[in-house]
C-alpha atoms as a PDB file:
ATOM      1  CA  MET A   1     108.616 159.419 134.559  1.00  0.00           C
ATOM      2  CA  LYS A   2     105.827 157.131 133.360  1.00  0.00           C
ATOM      3  CA  LEU A   3     102.498 158.920 132.994  1.00  0.00           C
ATOM      4  CA  GLY A   4      99.041 158.341 131.571  1.00  0.00           C
ATOM      5  CA  LEU A   5      95.638 159.886 130.925  1.00  0.00           C
ATOM      6  CA  LEU A   6      92.267 158.343 131.773  1.00  0.00           C
ATOM      7  CA  GLY A   7      89.043 159.638 130.211  1.00  0.00           C
ATOM      8  CA  TYR A   8      86.647 159.448 127.297  1.00  0.00           C
ATOM      9  CA  PRO A   9      86.966 160.615 124.600  1.00  0.00           C
ATOM     10  CA  ILE A  10      90.652 161.547 124.718  1.00  0.00           C
ATOM     11  CA  SER A  11      92.010 160.943 121.230  1.00  0.00           C
ATOM     12  CA  HIS A  12      92.171 164.747 120.777  1.00  0.00           C
ATOM     13  CA  SER A  13      94.180 165.274 123.967  1.00  0.00           C
ATOM     14  CA  LEU A  14      97.177 167.614 123.938  1.00  0.00           C
ATOM     15  CA  SER A  15      98.507 166.162 127.196  1.00  0.00           C
ATOM     16  CA  PRO A  16     101.203 163.911 125.661  1.00  0.00           C
ATOM     17  CA  LYS A  17     102.741 166.857 123.812  1.00  0.00           C
ATOM     18  CA  LEU A  18     102.462 169.176 126.827  1.00  0.00           C
ATOM     19  CA  TYR A  19     104.232 166.814 129.199  1.00  0.00           C
ATOM     20  CA  GLU A  20     106.897 166.105 126.607  1.00  0.00           C
ATOM     21  CA  LYS A  21     107.372 169.868 126.345  1.00  0.00           C
ATOM     22  CA  PHE A  22     107.655 170.427 130.102  1.00  0.00           C
ATOM     23  CA  LEU A  23     109.486 167.225 131.106  1.00  0.00           C
ATOM     24  CA  GLY A  24     111.685 166.535 128.097  1.00  0.00           C
ATOM     25  CA  PRO A  25     113.808 163.385 128.615  1.00  0.00           C
ATOM     26  CA  GLU A  26     112.349 162.932 132.113  1.00  0.00           C
ATOM     27  CA  LEU A  27     109.169 161.644 130.426  1.00  0.00           C
ATOM     28  CA  THR A  28     109.687 158.025 129.413  1.00  0.00           C
ATOM     29  CA  SER A  29     106.100 157.225 128.421  1.00  0.00           C
ATOM     30  CA  TYR A  30     102.613 158.744 128.271  1.00  0.00           C
ATOM     31  CA  GLU A  31      99.770 156.276 127.720  1.00  0.00           C
ATOM     32  CA  LEU A  32      96.134 157.020 126.882  1.00  0.00           C
ATOM     33  CA  PHE A  33      93.463 154.989 128.685  1.00  0.00           C
ATOM     34  CA  SER A  34      90.173 155.578 126.883  1.00  0.00           C
ATOM     35  CA  PHE A  35      87.108 153.786 128.245  1.00  0.00           C
ATOM     36  CA  GLU A  36      83.556 154.571 127.173  1.00  0.00           C
ATOM     37  CA  LYS A  37      82.116 152.798 130.233  1.00  0.00           C
ATOM     38  CA  SER A  38      83.305 153.243 133.821  1.00  0.00           C
ATOM     39  CA  SER A  39      82.815 149.512 134.375  1.00  0.00           C
ATOM     40  CA  ASP A  40      85.688 148.870 131.950  1.00  0.00           C
ATOM     41  CA  ILE A  41      88.223 150.960 133.903  1.00  0.00           C
ATOM     42  CA  PRO A  42      90.947 148.763 135.463  1.00  0.00           C
ATOM     43  CA  ALA A  43      91.523 148.643 139.200  1.00  0.00           C
ATOM     44  CA  LEU A  44      93.650 151.395 140.692  1.00  0.00           C
ATOM     45  CA  SER A  45      96.346 148.815 141.463  1.00  0.00           C
ATOM     46  CA  ILE A  46      96.785 148.156 137.733  1.00  0.00           C
ATOM     47  CA  PHE A  47      97.589 151.804 137.078  1.00  0.00           C
ATOM     48  CA  ALA A  48      99.873 151.888 140.133  1.00  0.00           C
ATOM     49  CA  SER A  49     101.846 148.913 138.824  1.00  0.00           C
ATOM     50  CA  LYS A  50     102.828 150.652 135.604  1.00  0.00           C
ATOM     51  CA  LEU A  51     102.720 154.427 136.211  1.00  0.00           C
ATOM     52  CA  ASP A  52     104.216 157.143 138.396  1.00  0.00           C
ATOM     53  CA  GLY A  53     101.311 159.499 137.774  1.00  0.00           C
ATOM     54  CA  LEU A  54      97.900 159.536 136.145  1.00  0.00           C
ATOM     55  CA  ASN A  55      95.910 162.451 134.729  1.00  0.00           C
ATOM     56  CA  ILE A  56      92.128 162.057 134.772  1.00  0.00           C
ATOM     57  CA  THR A  57      89.681 163.953 132.608  1.00  0.00           C
ATOM     58  CA  SER A  58      85.930 163.827 132.037  1.00  0.00           C
ATOM     59  CA  PRO A  59      83.891 161.891 132.849  1.00  0.00           C
ATOM     60  CA  TYR A  60      85.991 160.074 135.455  1.00  0.00           C
ATOM     61  CA  LYS A  61      87.252 162.727 137.881  1.00  0.00           C
ATOM     62  CA  THR A  62      85.212 161.220 140.731  1.00  0.00           C
ATOM     63  CA  HIS A  63      85.873 157.577 139.868  1.00  0.00           C
ATOM     64  CA  PHE A  64      88.663 156.868 142.392  1.00  0.00           C
ATOM     65  CA  MET A  65      87.731 159.359 145.126  1.00  0.00           C
ATOM     66  CA  LYS A  66      86.994 156.715 147.774  1.00  0.00           C
ATOM     67  CA  GLU A  67      90.294 154.906 147.190  1.00  0.00           C
ATOM     68  CA  ILE A  68      92.845 157.700 147.378  1.00  0.00           C
ATOM     69  CA  ILE A  69      94.438 160.119 149.835  1.00  0.00           C
ATOM     70  CA  VAL A  70      93.371 163.751 149.410  1.00  0.00           C
ATOM     71  CA  GLU A  71      95.038 166.259 151.719  1.00  0.00           C
ATOM     72  CA  SER A  72      93.515 169.527 150.437  1.00  0.00           C
ATOM     73  CA  ASP A  73      90.250 170.580 152.112  1.00  0.00           C
ATOM     74  CA  LEU A  74      89.289 172.566 149.013  1.00  0.00           C
ATOM     75  CA  VAL A  75      89.777 169.515 146.780  1.00  0.00           C
ATOM     76  CA  LYS A  76      87.711 167.474 149.238  1.00  0.00           C
ATOM     77  CA  ALA A  77      84.952 170.081 148.976  1.00  0.00           C
ATOM     78  CA  ILE A  78      84.981 169.740 145.199  1.00  0.00           C
ATOM     79  CA  GLY A  79      84.848 165.952 145.434  1.00  0.00           C
ATOM     80  CA  ALA A  80      86.858 165.333 142.272  1.00  0.00           C
ATOM     81  CA  VAL A  81      90.504 164.913 141.287  1.00  0.00           C
ATOM     82  CA  ASN A  82      92.322 165.065 137.977  1.00  0.00           C
ATOM     83  CA  THR A  83      95.818 164.034 139.077  1.00  0.00           C
ATOM     84  CA  LEU A  84      96.996 160.911 140.904  1.00  0.00           C
ATOM     85  CA  ALA A  85     100.464 160.169 142.266  1.00  0.00           C
ATOM     86  CA  PHE A  86     101.470 156.561 142.956  1.00  0.00           C
ATOM     87  CA  THR A  87     103.886 156.333 145.884  1.00  0.00           C
ATOM     88  CA  ASP A  88     105.147 153.830 148.450  1.00  0.00           C
ATOM     89  CA  LYS A  89     102.831 155.482 150.990  1.00  0.00           C
ATOM     90  CA  GLY A  90      99.703 155.148 148.870  1.00  0.00           C
ATOM     91  CA  VAL A  91      97.897 156.918 146.047  1.00  0.00           C
ATOM     92  CA  PHE A  92      97.593 160.679 146.488  1.00  0.00           C
ATOM     93  CA  GLY A  93      95.166 162.834 144.550  1.00  0.00           C
ATOM     94  CA  THR A  94      94.787 166.521 143.818  1.00  0.00           C
ATOM     95  CA  ASN A  95      92.930 168.774 141.413  1.00  0.00           C
ATOM     96  CA  THR A  96      95.136 170.949 139.254  1.00  0.00           C
ATOM     97  CA  ASP A  97      92.004 172.315 137.531  1.00  0.00           C
ATOM     98  CA  LEU A  98      91.418 174.057 140.856  1.00  0.00           C
ATOM     99  CA  LEU A  99      94.862 175.644 140.909  1.00  0.00           C
ATOM    100  CA  ALA A 100      94.532 176.876 137.323  1.00  0.00           C
ATOM    101  CA  VAL A 101      91.045 178.341 137.805  1.00  0.00           C
ATOM    102  CA  VAL A 102      92.127 180.139 140.989  1.00  0.00           C
ATOM    103  CA  GLU A 103      95.100 181.716 139.210  1.00  0.00           C
ATOM    104  CA  ILE A 104      93.128 182.885 136.173  1.00  0.00           C
ATOM    105  CA  LEU A 105      90.150 184.250 138.128  1.00  0.00           C
ATOM    106  CA  GLN A 106      92.487 186.043 140.532  1.00  0.00           C
ATOM    107  CA  ASN A 107      94.149 187.683 137.533  1.00  0.00           C
ATOM    108  CA  TYR A 108      90.730 188.900 136.355  1.00  0.00           C
ATOM    109  CA  LEU A 109      90.003 190.322 139.804  1.00  0.00           C
ATOM    110  CA  ASN A 110      93.340 192.114 139.799  1.00  0.00           C
ATOM    111  CA  GLU A 111      92.610 193.574 136.356  1.00  0.00           C
ATOM    112  CA  TYR A 112      88.946 194.542 136.695  1.00  0.00           C
ATOM    113  CA  GLY A 113      88.424 194.948 140.441  1.00  0.00           C
ATOM    114  CA  ASP A 114      85.046 193.199 140.435  1.00  0.00           C
ATOM    115  CA  ILE A 115      83.697 190.495 138.159  1.00  0.00           C
ATOM    116  CA  GLU A 116      80.599 188.325 137.880  1.00  0.00           C
ATOM    117  CA  ILE A 117      80.463 184.848 136.372  1.00  0.00           C
ATOM    118  CA  ALA A 118      77.804 183.450 134.066  1.00  0.00           C
ATOM    119  CA  LEU A 119      78.503 179.734 134.377  1.00  0.00           C
ATOM    120  CA  LEU A 120      77.331 177.392 131.617  1.00  0.00           C
ATOM    121  CA  GLY A 121      76.933 173.772 132.732  1.00  0.00           C
ATOM    122  CA  ASP A 122      76.482 171.774 135.917  1.00  0.00           C
ATOM    123  CA  GLY A 123      79.113 169.036 135.824  1.00  0.00           C
ATOM    124  CA  VAL A 124      82.314 168.538 137.832  1.00  0.00           C
ATOM    125  CA  MET A 125      84.059 171.597 136.395  1.00  0.00           C
ATOM    126  CA  ALA A 126      81.015 173.736 137.106  1.00  0.00           C
ATOM    127  CA  GLY A 127      81.056 172.557 140.718  1.00  0.00           C
ATOM    128  CA  LEU A 128      84.758 173.334 140.965  1.00  0.00           C
ATOM    129  CA  THR A 129      84.178 176.814 139.537  1.00  0.00           C
ATOM    130  CA  LYS A 130      81.513 177.567 142.141  1.00  0.00           C
ATOM    131  CA  VAL A 131      83.785 176.451 144.991  1.00  0.00           C
ATOM    132  CA  VAL A 132      86.612 178.676 143.736  1.00  0.00           C
ATOM    133  CA  ALA A 133      84.261 181.609 143.104  1.00  0.00           C
ATOM    134  CA  LYS A 134      82.848 181.347 146.612  1.00  0.00           C
ATOM    135  CA  ASP A 135      86.369 181.318 148.063  1.00  0.00           C
ATOM    136  CA  LEU A 136      87.255 184.416 146.005  1.00  0.00           C
ATOM    137  CA  LYS A 137      83.873 186.082 146.764  1.00  0.00           C
ATOM    138  CA  ILE A 138      82.850 186.238 143.098  1.00  0.00           C
ATOM    139  CA  PRO A 139      79.071 186.131 142.397  1.00  0.00           C
ATOM    140  CA  VAL A 140      77.938 183.362 140.024  1.00  0.00           C
ATOM    141  CA  ARG A 141      74.871 182.919 137.846  1.00  0.00           C
ATOM    142  CA  GLN A 142      74.633 179.264 136.826  1.00  0.00           C
ATOM    143  CA  TYR A 143      72.800 177.960 133.763  1.00  0.00           C
ATOM    144  CA  SER A 144      72.203 174.226 133.389  1.00  0.00           C
ATOM    145  CA  ARG A 145      71.234 172.296 130.283  1.00  0.00           C
ATOM    146  CA  LYS A 146      68.650 170.604 132.507  1.00  0.00           C
ATOM    147  CA  THR A 147      66.744 173.844 133.064  1.00  0.00           C
ATOM    148  CA  HIS A 148      67.839 176.220 130.287  1.00  0.00           C
ATOM    149  CA  ASP A 149      68.243 176.221 126.529  1.00  0.00           C
ATOM    150  CA  LEU A 150      71.969 176.911 126.724  1.00  0.00           C
ATOM    151  CA  VAL A 151      72.511 176.808 122.978  1.00  0.00           C
ATOM    152  CA  ASN A 152      70.255 179.847 122.495  1.00  0.00           C
ATOM    153  CA  LEU A 153      70.731 181.478 125.905  1.00  0.00           C
ATOM    154  CA  ASP A 154      70.309 185.269 125.972  1.00  0.00           C
ATOM    155  CA  LEU A 155      73.048 186.820 128.120  1.00  0.00           C
ATOM    156  CA  SER A 156      72.838 190.265 126.537  1.00  0.00           C
ATOM    157  CA  LYS A 157      70.747 191.776 129.353  1.00  0.00           C
ATOM    158  CA  ILE A 158      73.028 190.845 132.235  1.00  0.00           C
ATOM    159  CA  ASN A 159      74.275 193.828 134.255  1.00  0.00           C
ATOM    160  CA  GLN A 160      77.337 195.181 132.440  1.00  0.00           C
ATOM    161  CA  ASP A 161      78.307 197.630 135.201  1.00  0.00           C
ATOM    162  CA  ILE A 162      80.454 194.786 136.525  1.00  0.00           C
ATOM    163  CA  GLN A 163      82.727 192.901 134.148  1.00  0.00           C
ATOM    164  CA  GLN A 164      80.951 189.718 133.058  1.00  0.00           C
ATOM    165  CA  VAL A 165      82.944 186.514 132.576  1.00  0.00           C
ATOM    166  CA  VAL A 166      81.033 183.790 130.750  1.00  0.00           C
ATOM    167  CA  ILE A 167      82.573 180.408 131.557  1.00  0.00           C
ATOM    168  CA  ASN A 168      81.682 177.392 129.447  1.00  0.00           C
ATOM    169  CA  SER A 169      82.160 174.230 131.500  1.00  0.00           C
ATOM    170  CA  CYS A 170      80.070 172.044 129.159  1.00  0.00           C
ATOM    171  CA  SER A 171      81.569 169.175 127.179  1.00  0.00           C
ATOM    172  CA  ARG A 172      82.598 169.430 123.538  1.00  0.00           C
ATOM    173  CA  ASP A 173      79.155 168.376 122.302  1.00  0.00           C
ATOM    174  CA  PHE A 174      77.816 171.825 123.277  1.00  0.00           C
ATOM    175  CA  VAL A 175      78.081 174.867 120.995  1.00  0.00           C
ATOM    176  CA  PHE A 176      76.940 178.250 122.322  1.00  0.00           C
ATOM    177  CA  GLN A 177      74.877 180.203 119.793  1.00  0.00           C
ATOM    178  CA  GLY A 178      73.080 182.558 122.174  1.00  0.00           C
ATOM    179  CA  LYS A 179      73.019 186.338 122.488  1.00  0.00           C
ATOM    180  CA  LEU A 180      75.808 188.420 124.027  1.00  0.00           C
ATOM    181  CA  LYS A 181      76.049 192.155 124.557  1.00  0.00           C
ATOM    182  CA  GLY A 182      79.620 192.228 123.278  1.00  0.00           C
ATOM    183  CA  GLU A 183      81.292 193.430 126.467  1.00  0.00           C
ATOM    184  CA  GLU A 184      81.805 190.014 128.017  1.00  0.00           C
ATOM    185  CA  ILE A 185      84.867 187.855 128.455  1.00  0.00           C
ATOM    186  CA  PHE A 186      84.098 184.342 127.214  1.00  0.00           C
ATOM    187  CA  TRP A 187      86.299 181.701 128.826  1.00  0.00           C
ATOM    188  CA  ASP A 188      86.000 178.240 127.304  1.00  0.00           C
ATOM    189  CA  TYR A 189      87.282 175.357 129.429  1.00  0.00           C
ATOM    190  CA  ASN A 190      87.564 173.356 126.192  1.00  0.00           C
ATOM    191  CA  TYR A 191      90.702 173.892 124.152  1.00  0.00           C
ATOM    192  CA  SER A 192      91.142 174.079 120.378  1.00  0.00           C
ATOM    193  CA  PHE A 193      87.357 173.991 120.037  1.00  0.00           C
ATOM    194  CA  LEU A 194      86.823 175.285 116.511  1.00  0.00           C
ATOM    195  CA  PRO A 195      83.040 175.915 116.676  1.00  0.00           C
ATOM    196  CA  HIS A 196      83.711 178.548 119.360  1.00  0.00           C
ATOM    197  CA  GLN A 197      87.064 179.741 118.071  1.00  0.00           C
ATOM    198  CA  ASN A 198      85.510 180.521 114.690  1.00  0.00           C
ATOM    199  CA  THR A 199      82.510 182.495 115.994  1.00  0.00           C
ATOM    200  CA  LEU A 200      82.979 183.951 119.475  1.00  0.00           C
ATOM    201  CA  PRO A 201      86.109 186.161 119.295  1.00  0.00           C
ATOM    202  CA  SER A 202      84.244 188.744 117.181  1.00  0.00           C
ATOM    203  CA  LYS A 203      81.270 188.794 119.575  1.00  0.00           C
ATOM    204  CA  VAL A 204      83.056 189.532 122.884  1.00  0.00           C
ATOM    205  CA  ILE A 205      85.877 191.730 124.150  1.00  0.00           C
ATOM    206  CA  SER A 206      87.980 188.644 124.854  1.00  0.00           C
ATOM    207  CA  TYR A 207      87.693 184.950 123.994  1.00  0.00           C
ATOM    208  CA  ARG A 208      89.861 182.716 126.147  1.00  0.00           C
ATOM    209  CA  ASP A 209      90.649 179.219 124.917  1.00  0.00           C
ATOM    210  CA  GLY A 210      91.234 176.430 127.429  1.00  0.00           C
ATOM    211  CA  GLN A 211      94.812 175.683 126.386  1.00  0.00           C
ATOM    212  CA  GLU A 212      96.336 178.165 128.836  1.00  0.00           C
ATOM    213  CA  MET A 213      94.537 176.402 131.680  1.00  0.00           C
ATOM    214  CA  LEU A 214      95.758 173.060 130.341  1.00  0.00           C
ATOM    215  CA  GLU A 215      99.359 174.271 130.508  1.00  0.00           C
ATOM    216  CA  LEU A 216      98.900 175.569 134.058  1.00  0.00           C
ATOM    217  CA  GLN A 217      97.379 172.214 135.020  1.00  0.00           C
ATOM    218  CA  ALA A 218     100.332 170.319 133.563  1.00  0.00           C
ATOM    219  CA  GLN A 219     102.897 172.437 135.399  1.00  0.00           C
ATOM    220  CA  ALA A 220     100.980 172.052 138.676  1.00  0.00           C
ATOM    221  CA  ALA A 221     100.716 168.277 138.160  1.00  0.00           C
ATOM    222  CA  ILE A 222     104.475 167.917 137.657  1.00  0.00           C
ATOM    223  CA  LYS A 223     105.106 169.909 140.826  1.00  0.00           C
ATOM    224  CA  PHE A 224     102.627 167.720 142.738  1.00  0.00           C
ATOM    225  CA  TRP A 225     104.137 164.441 141.534  1.00  0.00           C
ATOM    226  CA  LYS A 226     107.633 165.498 142.551  1.00  0.00           C
ATOM    227  CA  GLU A 227     106.521 166.848 145.910  1.00  0.00           C
ATOM    228  CA  VAL A 228     104.669 163.701 147.022  1.00  0.00           C
ATOM    229  CA  ASN A 229     107.116 161.214 145.511  1.00  0.00           C
ATOM    230  CA  PRO A 230     110.775 161.961 146.345  1.00  0.00           C
ATOM    231  CA  LYS A 231     111.877 159.269 143.884  1.00  0.00           C
ATOM    232  CA  LEU A 232     110.822 161.541 141.012  1.00  0.00           C
ATOM    233  CA  LYS A 233     112.964 164.512 142.032  1.00  0.00           C
END
């Protein structure tokens, strides 16, 4: 299977190692396509000519939306994909971020009964989180860098009668240094992010790194590629 990753910056990406782990000898290549400007991204046909599947990360999850086939209504509602499959019938897209977020939030609901989300950020992943939360009937308080000082945000006075889950959907240039009560779960969509790993675990009841979600995404992507393209089975 020939795969690739499109995004910027992606030099830190764990995807090559993850797919090697899950696919073993089935993976013949994994190429990184790093473009600072969207205008430099090659045409979809170029990727299709050399790959079986393409992962897409920030900031390009909406880049090919008008050119691909999306069958999931929930993915259509989000308006962004992170996984493309190149087949004889066209290019199919899905969002494995969605599948991973659903699974993890459902696990929290099963454990705590009720939860509330304090959502940091307003990008694609924030939009996805709100769609999933609405589907699961989880209330969300959203904080945007456009309207709030997220770095120094005070979350310590949020109602703690319901388990609070703080979700950081901001990019890696953001470091949270605000106030917490200490009873929150802090879920970082970024993985191996040392500024948070070194400070937050001691300030909350649970700090969740993004690597688990990355692994769930990878497993869902492999399943998707094989389902839509029989040649890969």
